[in-house]
Amino acid sequence: MIRLIIGVKQRVDTILITEKIQSMRKIVGKVTEEEKNEILLLYERKNGLQELAKVLKADDSDLYEKLISDLGETGTKFQNWWDSMSTKYQWESAPNGNWSINFGTCEITLITEE
């Protein structure tokens, strides 16, 4: 299974440097502007929900349960987008590899550890 990293190229570089991972990058495809906007919305929603989960107390059980449910649904939609696009475009993959999207160019990059 491929782990997914998503974000603008500069942010991915920061993450990889922070983790001190030597990596190799290869552009393996491109998505349409509309497809990019779909994953961008899911990405922003997922991040927002994760931030909310950090500050929300489990004491408010109804709201907390809704948050967890929404986070699960959003995560599933997020993964389904990557699965669908990788099937549609037949992107190259690699064991322990990650795909990344550059929101500026719509390019998909395969990131593998050296």
C-alpha atoms as a PDB file:
ATOM      1  CA  MET A   1       0.000   0.000   0.000  1.00  0.00           C
ATOM      2  CA  ILE A   2       1.189   3.473  -0.775  1.00  0.00           C
ATOM      3  CA  ARG A   3       1.252   6.066   1.970  1.00  0.00           C
ATOM      4  CA  LEU A   4       0.011   9.424   0.790  1.00  0.00           C
ATOM      5  CA  ILE A   5       1.543  12.772   1.451  1.00  0.00           C
ATOM      6  CA  ILE A   6      -0.333  15.753   0.143  1.00  0.00           C
ATOM      7  CA  GLY A   7       0.567  19.382   0.118  1.00  0.00           C
ATOM      8  CA  VAL A   8       2.448  21.961  -1.780  1.00  0.00           C
ATOM      9  CA  LYS A   9       5.941  20.894  -2.722  1.00  0.00           C
ATOM     10  CA  GLN A  10       7.628  23.165  -0.189  1.00  0.00           C
ATOM     11  CA  ARG A  11       5.584  21.678   2.674  1.00  0.00           C
ATOM     12  CA  VAL A  12       6.403  18.119   1.627  1.00  0.00           C
ATOM     13  CA  ASP A  13      10.104  19.023   1.502  1.00  0.00           C
ATOM     14  CA  THR A  14       9.846  20.396   5.042  1.00  0.00           C
ATOM     15  CA  ILE A  15       8.148  17.246   6.295  1.00  0.00           C
ATOM     16  CA  LEU A  16      10.728  14.986   4.717  1.00  0.00           C
ATOM     17  CA  ILE A  17      13.665  17.042   5.984  1.00  0.00           C
ATOM     18  CA  THR A  18      12.173  17.093   9.483  1.00  0.00           C
ATOM     19  CA  GLU A  19      11.884  13.307   9.411  1.00  0.00           C
ATOM     20  CA  LYS A  20      15.443  13.138   8.003  1.00  0.00           C
ATOM     21  CA  ILE A  21      14.370  10.862   5.196  1.00  0.00           C
ATOM     22  CA  GLN A  22      16.510  10.740   2.088  1.00  0.00           C
ATOM     23  CA  SER A  23      14.068  10.550  -0.766  1.00  0.00           C
ATOM     24  CA  MET A  24      13.841  10.407  -4.491  1.00  0.00           C
ATOM     25  CA  ARG A  25      11.094  12.267  -6.360  1.00  0.00           C
ATOM     26  CA  LYS A  26       9.651  11.519  -9.766  1.00  0.00           C
ATOM     27  CA  ILE A  27       6.710  13.238 -11.453  1.00  0.00           C
ATOM     28  CA  VAL A  28       4.359  10.416 -12.429  1.00  0.00           C
ATOM     29  CA  GLY A  29       1.295  12.280 -13.631  1.00  0.00           C
ATOM     30  CA  LYS A  30      -1.016  15.218 -13.521  1.00  0.00           C
ATOM     31  CA  VAL A  31      -4.666  15.720 -12.602  1.00  0.00           C
ATOM     32  CA  THR A  32      -7.151  18.234 -13.940  1.00  0.00           C
ATOM     33  CA  GLU A  33      -7.836  21.501 -12.154  1.00  0.00           C
ATOM     34  CA  GLU A  34     -11.249  20.139 -11.110  1.00  0.00           C
ATOM     35  CA  GLU A  35      -9.703  16.933  -9.703  1.00  0.00           C
ATOM     36  CA  LYS A  36      -7.110  18.996  -7.844  1.00  0.00           C
ATOM     37  CA  ASN A  37      -9.864  21.136  -6.329  1.00  0.00           C
ATOM     38  CA  GLU A  38     -11.675  17.990  -5.116  1.00  0.00           C
ATOM     39  CA  ILE A  39      -8.656  16.725  -3.163  1.00  0.00           C
ATOM     40  CA  LEU A  40      -7.784  20.226  -1.953  1.00  0.00           C
ATOM     41  CA  LEU A  41     -11.232  20.571  -0.360  1.00  0.00           C
ATOM     42  CA  LEU A  42     -10.934  17.146   1.269  1.00  0.00           C
ATOM     43  CA  TYR A  43      -7.401  17.943   2.459  1.00  0.00           C
ATOM     44  CA  GLU A  44      -8.492  21.225   4.043  1.00  0.00           C
ATOM     45  CA  ARG A  45     -11.554  19.613   5.639  1.00  0.00           C
ATOM     46  CA  LYS A  46      -9.490  16.728   7.032  1.00  0.00           C
ATOM     47  CA  ASN A  47      -6.919  19.115   8.503  1.00  0.00           C
ATOM     48  CA  GLY A  48      -9.629  21.330  10.000  1.00  0.00           C
ATOM     49  CA  LEU A  49     -11.350  18.371  11.626  1.00  0.00           C
ATOM     50  CA  GLN A  50      -8.036  17.087  12.997  1.00  0.00           C
ATOM     51  CA  GLU A  51      -7.318  20.497  14.520  1.00  0.00           C
ATOM     52  CA  LEU A  52     -10.806  20.626  16.025  1.00  0.00           C
ATOM     53  CA  ALA A  53     -10.288  17.152  17.506  1.00  0.00           C
ATOM     54  CA  LYS A  54      -7.217  18.475  19.356  1.00  0.00           C
ATOM     55  CA  VAL A  55      -9.215  21.120  21.217  1.00  0.00           C
ATOM     56  CA  LEU A  56     -12.625  19.497  21.562  1.00  0.00           C
ATOM     57  CA  LYS A  57     -13.243  17.746  24.831  1.00  0.00           C
ATOM     58  CA  ALA A  58     -14.869  14.313  24.817  1.00  0.00           C
ATOM     59  CA  ASP A  59     -17.253  15.684  27.487  1.00  0.00           C
ATOM     60  CA  ASP A  60     -19.503  16.985  24.706  1.00  0.00           C
ATOM     61  CA  SER A  61     -20.218  13.470  23.512  1.00  0.00           C
ATOM     62  CA  ASP A  62     -22.727  14.338  20.775  1.00  0.00           C
ATOM     63  CA  LEU A  63     -20.431  16.847  19.107  1.00  0.00           C
ATOM     64  CA  TYR A  64     -17.390  14.629  19.632  1.00  0.00           C
ATOM     65  CA  GLU A  65     -19.155  11.633  18.049  1.00  0.00           C
ATOM     66  CA  LYS A  66     -20.167  13.791  15.068  1.00  0.00           C
ATOM     67  CA  LEU A  67     -16.591  14.975  14.712  1.00  0.00           C
ATOM     68  CA  ILE A  68     -15.199  11.432  14.776  1.00  0.00           C
ATOM     69  CA  SER A  69     -17.826  10.275  12.288  1.00  0.00           C
ATOM     70  CA  ASP A  70     -17.111  13.201   9.962  1.00  0.00           C
ATOM     71  CA  LEU A  71     -13.372  12.629  10.242  1.00  0.00           C
ATOM     72  CA  GLY A  72     -13.836   8.973   9.274  1.00  0.00           C
ATOM     73  CA  GLU A  73     -16.061   9.843   6.311  1.00  0.00           C
ATOM     74  CA  THR A  74     -13.653  12.524   5.115  1.00  0.00           C
ATOM     75  CA  GLY A  75     -10.682  10.169   5.460  1.00  0.00           C
ATOM     76  CA  THR A  76     -12.513   7.563   3.397  1.00  0.00           C
ATOM     77  CA  LYS A  77     -13.353  10.092   0.678  1.00  0.00           C
ATOM     78  CA  PHE A  78      -9.733  11.275   0.737  1.00  0.00           C
ATOM     79  CA  GLN A  79      -8.389   7.742   0.247  1.00  0.00           C
ATOM     80  CA  ASN A  80     -11.038   6.971  -2.383  1.00  0.00           C
ATOM     81  CA  TRP A  81      -9.911   9.998  -4.396  1.00  0.00           C
ATOM     82  CA  TRP A  82      -6.313   8.745  -4.450  1.00  0.00           C
ATOM     83  CA  ASP A  83      -7.428   5.199  -5.309  1.00  0.00           C
ATOM     84  CA  SER A  84      -9.674   6.451  -8.116  1.00  0.00           C
ATOM     85  CA  MET A  85      -7.079   8.782  -9.616  1.00  0.00           C
ATOM     86  CA  SER A  86      -4.287   6.209  -9.440  1.00  0.00           C
ATOM     87  CA  THR A  87      -6.512   3.722 -11.279  1.00  0.00           C
ATOM     88  CA  LYS A  88      -7.658   6.296 -13.821  1.00  0.00           C
ATOM     89  CA  TYR A  89      -4.167   7.564 -14.637  1.00  0.00           C
ATOM     90  CA  GLN A  90      -2.178   4.386 -13.886  1.00  0.00           C
ATOM     91  CA  TRP A  91       0.469   6.228 -11.868  1.00  0.00           C
ATOM     92  CA  GLU A  92       3.711   4.493 -11.156  1.00  0.00           C
ATOM     93  CA  SER A  93       3.952   3.262  -7.574  1.00  0.00           C
ATOM     94  CA  ALA A  94       6.613   1.739  -5.349  1.00  0.00           C
ATOM     95  CA  PRO A  95       6.742  -0.258  -2.118  1.00  0.00           C
ATOM     96  CA  ASN A  96       6.773   2.216   0.784  1.00  0.00           C
ATOM     97  CA  GLY A  97       6.295   5.012  -1.735  1.00  0.00           C
ATOM     98  CA  ASN A  98       4.146   8.112  -1.318  1.00  0.00           C
ATOM     99  CA  TRP A  99       2.286  10.195  -3.849  1.00  0.00           C
ATOM    100  CA  SER A 100       2.234  13.925  -3.395  1.00  0.00           C
ATOM    101  CA  ILE A 101       0.230  16.566  -5.220  1.00  0.00           C
ATOM    102  CA  ASN A 102       1.547  20.009  -6.011  1.00  0.00           C
ATOM    103  CA  PHE A 103      -1.540  22.216  -5.766  1.00  0.00           C
ATOM    104  CA  GLY A 104       0.094  24.876  -7.950  1.00  0.00           C
ATOM    105  CA  THR A 105       0.818  22.654 -10.939  1.00  0.00           C
ATOM    106  CA  CYS A 106      -1.583  19.705 -10.382  1.00  0.00           C
ATOM    107  CA  GLU A 107       1.424  17.372 -10.774  1.00  0.00           C
ATOM    108  CA  ILE A 108       1.575  14.084  -8.910  1.00  0.00           C
ATOM    109  CA  THR A 109       4.993  13.074  -7.613  1.00  0.00           C
ATOM    110  CA  LEU A 110       6.079   9.653  -6.424  1.00  0.00           C
ATOM    111  CA  ILE A 111       8.324   9.949  -3.401  1.00  0.00           C
ATOM    112  CA  THR A 112      10.434   6.935  -2.440  1.00  0.00           C
ATOM    113  CA  GLU A 113      13.075   6.423   0.200  1.00  0.00           C
ATOM    114  CA  GLU A 114      16.579   5.870  -1.129  1.00  0.00           C
END
